Protein backbone atom coordinates (compact mmCIF):
# COMPACT_ATOMS: atom_id res chain seq x y z
CA UNK A 1 89.88 115.61 89.45
CA UNK A 2 88.83 112.01 87.48
CA UNK A 3 88.42 109.30 89.80
CA UNK A 4 89.36 106.12 88.64
CA UNK A 5 90.85 102.36 89.24
CA UNK A 6 93.39 100.05 87.95
CA UNK A 7 90.89 97.03 86.20
CA UNK A 8 90.79 93.92 84.58
CA UNK A 9 91.25 93.26 80.93
CA UNK A 10 90.43 89.21 81.34
CA UNK A 11 88.63 88.92 77.69
CA UNK A 12 90.75 91.42 75.96
CA UNK A 13 92.04 94.77 76.35
CA UNK A 14 88.25 96.47 75.36
CA UNK A 15 86.35 94.48 78.60
CA UNK A 16 88.26 97.02 81.04
CA UNK A 17 86.30 99.60 80.17
CA UNK A 18 83.12 97.23 80.87
CA UNK A 19 84.68 96.57 84.61
CA UNK A 20 85.26 100.68 84.40
CA UNK A 21 81.63 101.58 83.81
CA UNK A 22 80.49 98.74 86.42
CA UNK A 23 82.41 100.72 89.52
CA UNK A 24 81.78 103.72 88.20
CA UNK A 25 85.41 104.64 87.03
CA UNK A 26 86.29 107.90 85.16
CA UNK A 27 89.58 107.01 84.41
CA UNK A 28 91.54 103.73 84.23
CA UNK A 29 94.76 101.60 84.47
CA UNK A 30 95.44 98.35 83.04
CA UNK A 31 98.31 95.72 82.42
CA UNK A 32 98.75 95.21 79.06
CA UNK A 33 100.46 91.86 79.29
CA UNK A 34 101.03 89.55 82.54
CA UNK A 35 103.24 91.92 85.10
CA UNK A 36 104.82 88.99 86.30
CA UNK A 37 106.27 87.33 83.03
CA UNK A 38 108.78 88.94 81.04
CA UNK A 39 107.24 87.07 77.76
CA UNK A 40 104.86 90.10 76.45
CA UNK A 41 101.36 89.53 74.45
CA UNK A 42 101.31 92.89 72.35
CA UNK A 43 97.68 93.79 71.34
CA UNK A 44 96.66 93.19 67.72
CA UNK A 45 95.56 96.13 65.34
CA UNK A 46 92.06 94.91 65.68
CA UNK A 47 92.18 94.74 69.86
CA UNK A 48 93.86 98.61 69.78
CA UNK A 49 91.15 99.78 67.45
CA UNK A 50 88.39 98.15 69.44
CA UNK A 51 90.01 99.52 72.64
CA UNK A 52 90.06 103.05 71.36
CA UNK A 53 86.39 103.07 70.21
CA UNK A 54 85.02 101.95 73.74
CA UNK A 55 87.51 104.54 75.26
CA UNK A 56 85.71 107.36 73.04
CA UNK A 57 82.13 105.83 73.29
CA UNK A 58 82.50 105.59 77.14
CA UNK A 59 84.02 108.99 77.50
CA UNK A 60 86.64 107.04 80.05
CA UNK A 61 90.07 108.37 80.30
CA UNK A 62 92.49 108.68 80.44
CA UNK A 63 94.11 105.77 80.17
CA UNK A 64 97.27 104.54 81.81
CA UNK A 65 99.39 100.97 81.33
CA UNK A 66 101.00 99.56 84.56
CA UNK A 67 104.28 97.84 83.65
CA UNK A 68 105.64 94.78 84.85
CA UNK A 69 106.82 94.29 88.37
CA UNK A 70 109.62 92.26 86.96
CA UNK A 71 111.37 95.74 85.72
CA UNK A 72 114.67 96.73 87.77
CA UNK A 73 116.69 99.46 86.61
CA UNK A 74 119.53 98.82 89.25
CA UNK A 75 120.10 94.98 88.40
CA UNK A 76 122.61 92.88 86.77
CA UNK A 77 123.20 93.59 83.40
CA UNK A 78 121.07 90.68 82.47
CA UNK A 79 118.03 92.09 84.15
CA UNK A 80 118.82 95.46 82.82
CA UNK A 81 118.47 94.22 79.21
CA UNK A 82 115.29 92.53 79.78
CA UNK A 83 113.69 95.70 81.48
CA UNK A 84 114.34 97.76 78.98
CA UNK A 85 112.88 95.45 76.26
CA UNK A 86 109.87 95.00 79.00
CA UNK A 87 109.44 98.95 78.96
CA UNK A 88 109.66 99.31 75.31
CA UNK A 89 107.33 96.44 74.68
CA UNK A 90 104.77 98.11 77.20
CA UNK A 91 105.57 101.49 75.43
CA UNK A 92 104.92 100.36 72.19
CA UNK A 93 101.39 98.87 73.59
CA UNK A 94 100.87 101.90 75.25
CA UNK A 95 100.96 103.96 71.98
CA UNK A 96 98.64 101.65 70.25
CA UNK A 97 95.86 101.95 72.71
CA UNK A 98 96.06 105.40 72.83
CA UNK A 99 97.12 105.45 76.47
CA UNK A 100 98.86 108.10 78.06
CA UNK A 101 101.78 106.26 79.33
CA UNK A 102 103.22 103.62 81.34
CA UNK A 103 103.85 103.74 85.00
CA UNK A 104 106.79 101.34 86.50
CA UNK A 105 108.30 100.68 89.29
CA UNK A 106 112.28 101.37 89.51
CA UNK A 107 113.07 98.27 91.40
CA UNK A 108 116.09 98.10 93.78
CA UNK A 109 119.57 98.93 94.04
CA UNK A 110 120.14 95.63 95.80
CA UNK A 111 122.03 97.39 98.85
CA UNK A 112 124.37 99.40 96.48
CA UNK A 113 123.25 102.69 97.48
CA UNK A 114 120.62 104.76 95.28
CA UNK A 115 124.14 106.82 94.13
CA UNK A 116 125.83 103.49 92.89
CA UNK A 117 122.75 102.91 90.46
CA UNK A 118 121.81 106.24 89.30
CA UNK A 119 123.93 106.22 86.01
CA UNK A 120 122.75 102.79 85.16
CA UNK A 121 118.96 103.71 85.85
CA UNK A 122 119.42 106.78 83.64
CA UNK A 123 120.92 104.95 80.92
CA UNK A 124 118.27 102.05 81.45
CA UNK A 125 115.47 104.30 80.85
CA UNK A 126 116.73 106.75 78.24
CA UNK A 127 117.57 103.55 76.00
CA UNK A 128 114.05 102.68 76.57
CA UNK A 129 113.04 106.16 75.74
CA UNK A 130 115.17 106.51 72.67
CA UNK A 131 113.45 102.90 71.20
CA UNK A 132 109.95 103.77 71.97
CA UNK A 133 107.44 105.78 69.95
CA UNK A 134 107.39 109.64 71.25
CA UNK A 135 103.65 110.22 71.94
CA UNK A 136 103.65 108.19 75.10
CA UNK A 137 105.19 108.66 78.73
CA UNK A 138 107.30 106.84 80.73
CA UNK A 139 106.20 107.04 84.61
CA UNK A 140 108.05 106.33 87.53
CA UNK A 141 106.12 105.57 90.74
CA UNK A 142 107.26 106.59 94.00
CA UNK A 143 108.50 103.27 96.35
CA UNK A 144 107.34 102.65 100.06
CA UNK A 145 111.01 102.32 101.07
CA UNK A 146 110.87 98.72 101.68
CA UNK A 147 114.45 97.23 101.68
CA UNK A 148 116.32 98.49 98.80
CA UNK A 149 113.54 100.12 96.89
CA UNK A 150 114.66 103.25 94.46
CA UNK A 151 112.85 106.39 94.58
CA UNK A 152 111.06 106.48 97.86
CA UNK A 153 112.14 110.16 98.42
CA UNK A 154 111.23 112.96 96.46
CA UNK A 155 114.81 113.96 96.33
CA UNK A 156 115.69 110.40 94.54
CA UNK A 157 112.95 110.91 92.09
CA UNK A 158 113.91 114.10 91.32
CA UNK A 159 117.59 113.25 90.66
CA UNK A 160 116.58 110.30 88.14
CA UNK A 161 114.34 113.12 86.40
CA UNK A 162 116.92 115.15 85.92
CA UNK A 163 119.77 112.65 84.95
CA UNK A 164 117.54 111.12 82.08
CA UNK A 165 116.39 114.56 80.78
CA UNK A 166 113.48 113.73 78.79
CA UNK A 167 110.20 115.60 78.54
CA UNK A 168 108.22 111.99 78.49
CA UNK A 169 109.53 111.51 81.82
CA UNK A 170 106.88 111.60 84.61
CA UNK A 171 105.85 110.87 88.01
CA UNK A 172 103.05 108.60 89.55
CA UNK A 173 102.39 109.32 93.32
CA UNK A 174 101.01 106.33 95.38
CA UNK A 175 99.68 107.73 98.63
CA UNK A 176 100.27 104.71 100.59
CA UNK A 177 103.55 104.29 99.49
CA UNK A 178 104.36 108.36 100.16
CA UNK A 179 102.87 107.58 103.77
CA UNK A 180 104.60 104.49 104.31
CA UNK A 181 107.99 106.57 102.93
CA UNK A 182 107.65 109.23 105.58
CA UNK A 183 105.35 111.81 104.27
CA UNK A 184 102.86 112.41 106.51
CA UNK A 185 99.99 113.26 103.55
CA UNK A 186 97.19 112.85 105.69
CA UNK A 187 97.81 115.70 107.33
CA UNK A 188 97.54 119.30 106.46
CA UNK A 189 100.73 120.28 107.39
CA UNK A 190 102.04 117.00 106.07
CA UNK A 191 100.88 117.22 102.85
CA UNK A 192 101.83 120.98 102.23
CA UNK A 193 105.47 120.34 103.17
CA UNK A 194 105.38 116.93 101.08
CA UNK A 195 104.08 118.80 97.84
CA UNK A 196 106.20 121.71 98.36
CA UNK A 197 109.25 119.31 98.30
CA UNK A 198 107.85 117.32 95.15
CA UNK A 199 107.62 120.57 93.18
CA UNK A 200 111.35 121.86 94.44
CA UNK A 201 112.80 118.49 93.61
CA UNK A 202 110.79 117.23 90.74
CA UNK A 203 108.49 120.06 89.76
CA UNK A 204 104.40 119.50 89.85
CA UNK A 205 104.46 119.43 86.06
CA UNK A 206 105.61 116.24 86.28
CA UNK A 207 102.91 114.80 88.24
CA UNK A 208 100.34 112.95 86.02
CA UNK A 209 98.79 110.45 88.13
CA UNK A 210 97.85 109.46 91.70
CA UNK A 211 97.59 105.84 92.88
CA UNK A 212 94.88 106.32 95.75
CA UNK A 213 95.29 103.75 98.33
CA UNK A 214 94.31 104.06 102.27
CA UNK A 215 97.81 102.51 103.93
CA UNK A 216 97.15 99.00 106.40
CA UNK A 217 100.28 100.32 107.77
CA UNK A 218 101.43 103.26 110.11
CA UNK A 219 103.39 106.38 108.79
CA UNK A 220 106.96 105.71 108.30
CA UNK A 221 106.63 101.90 108.14
CA UNK A 222 108.51 101.50 104.76
CA UNK A 223 105.99 98.55 104.01
CA UNK A 224 104.08 98.39 100.89
CA UNK A 225 100.56 97.42 102.06
CA UNK A 226 97.07 99.06 100.43
CA UNK A 227 93.86 98.94 102.14
CA UNK A 228 90.46 100.11 101.06
CA UNK A 229 89.54 104.10 101.38
CA UNK A 230 88.82 105.27 104.94
CA UNK A 231 89.81 101.54 106.30
CA UNK A 232 93.80 102.33 106.78
CA UNK A 233 95.92 104.89 109.11
CA UNK A 234 95.48 107.59 106.01
CA UNK A 235 91.43 107.83 106.25
CA UNK A 236 88.65 109.18 104.86
CA UNK A 237 89.87 112.58 106.46
CA UNK A 238 93.12 111.83 105.13
CA UNK A 239 91.86 111.40 101.62
CA UNK A 240 89.93 114.75 102.22
CA UNK A 241 93.13 116.45 103.11
CA UNK A 242 94.97 114.89 100.05
CA UNK A 243 92.14 115.76 97.51
CA UNK A 244 92.01 119.08 98.92
CA UNK A 245 95.37 120.16 98.05
CA UNK A 246 95.91 122.62 94.78
CA UNK A 247 98.82 120.08 93.37
CA UNK A 248 96.33 117.20 92.66
CA UNK A 249 93.33 119.52 91.62
CA UNK A 250 93.40 118.16 88.04
CA UNK A 251 95.43 115.09 88.19
CA UNK A 252 93.84 111.44 87.67
CA UNK A 253 93.23 109.29 90.98
CA UNK A 254 93.52 105.41 90.31
CA UNK A 255 92.40 102.62 93.25
CA UNK A 256 94.64 99.87 93.46
CA UNK A 257 92.77 98.85 96.54
CA UNK A 258 92.23 95.48 97.58
CA UNK A 259 88.46 95.94 97.87
CA UNK A 260 85.96 93.82 100.41
CA UNK A 261 86.34 90.65 98.67
CA UNK A 262 89.91 91.02 97.49
CA UNK A 263 89.34 91.10 93.96
CA UNK A 264 90.51 94.61 93.81
CA UNK A 265 88.54 98.30 93.38
CA UNK A 266 85.07 98.29 93.64
CA UNK A 267 82.07 101.02 93.41
CA UNK A 268 81.98 101.21 96.98
CA UNK A 269 85.57 102.01 97.37
CA UNK A 270 85.00 104.70 94.26
CA UNK A 271 82.04 106.08 95.81
CA UNK A 272 83.91 107.06 98.88
CA UNK A 273 86.37 108.88 96.86
CA UNK A 274 83.44 110.56 95.08
CA UNK A 275 81.84 111.75 98.05
CA UNK A 276 84.78 113.35 99.22
CA UNK A 277 85.30 114.92 95.72
CA UNK A 278 81.40 116.22 96.02
CA UNK A 279 81.88 117.38 99.47
CA UNK A 280 85.21 119.47 98.27
CA UNK A 281 83.54 121.13 95.07
CA UNK A 282 80.32 122.10 97.52
CA UNK A 283 82.75 123.78 100.26
CA UNK A 284 84.76 125.94 97.37
C-alpha cells in the first residue's frame, strides 16, 4: 500500500514532486489544468518529459490526474459536450505525463433520477474513451450522496461500469464519501460488508485508488466534508480498520485533507497514515 496525496503543480507539473518529497508522499494526484474552468492548458512536450524524469528519479508513483469539477455526465447536451472534451483533454494529458489515469466525479442527475441518466452517462464516457489514448484509465469516484449526485452507491457505480463496458473504466473510492453515503467503513463488520458489496456489484479488480479523507460529518449524512486524518468521525481507529482490510492491501491511498492550515495535505497527515501502516505490518 503506497501512501500519498493530492499535491500542487504551481510552477509547472514537475514541481508536484518537490511537494511530494517535502511531505513524504510515495504516490501523487495532481490537476493537469484548472479544475474550475473548461479551458484546458495541455502540458508541453518539455514539461511532460521533465515530469516523467522527476517521477523516475524520485521513485514516486503511481501518478493520477484529477479531472475538472465541472464535468457532469448527467447534464444538459451543452454540458455533456463540454464534459466529453474536458475528459479527453485530461486523458491525453495523463498519457503524456505517464499517469495511470483520470479520476473524476460523475456529477448530478439534476433530480431526474439515476435511471434517467444512465444511458446518457454511458454514451458520454464511451465517447470520451473512444477519442482518447488507450494507455490510461477513466476512473469514476464515488460520491457522498449529496443532493442528486451520481454514484453514491456501489450498485449505481456497478451499473455504470457494466453499461460502459470498457476495461479502461476503473473506480476510486473516497473514504469520506463512502462513510457519508451510509457505508460504515470505520467498523470492522461495516467495511467487510461494504467491500463484499463492492466486489459483488463492481469487482475489486476495478479498484485502483483510494482518497483517504476523514469525515467532518456523521455517518450517513450524505455531505461531502473532508477532515484531517484522526480528527473526524472515521478517526484513527477507523482508518486502521480500513487499511487492514485485504481489499486495500495493494491500492494507493491519496490524501485530500484540508491540512492544519487549510493548505492541503501535509507531512503530519501523511505520518498518521504511515504509523497505521507500520502498526499493521508489525501485527501481521
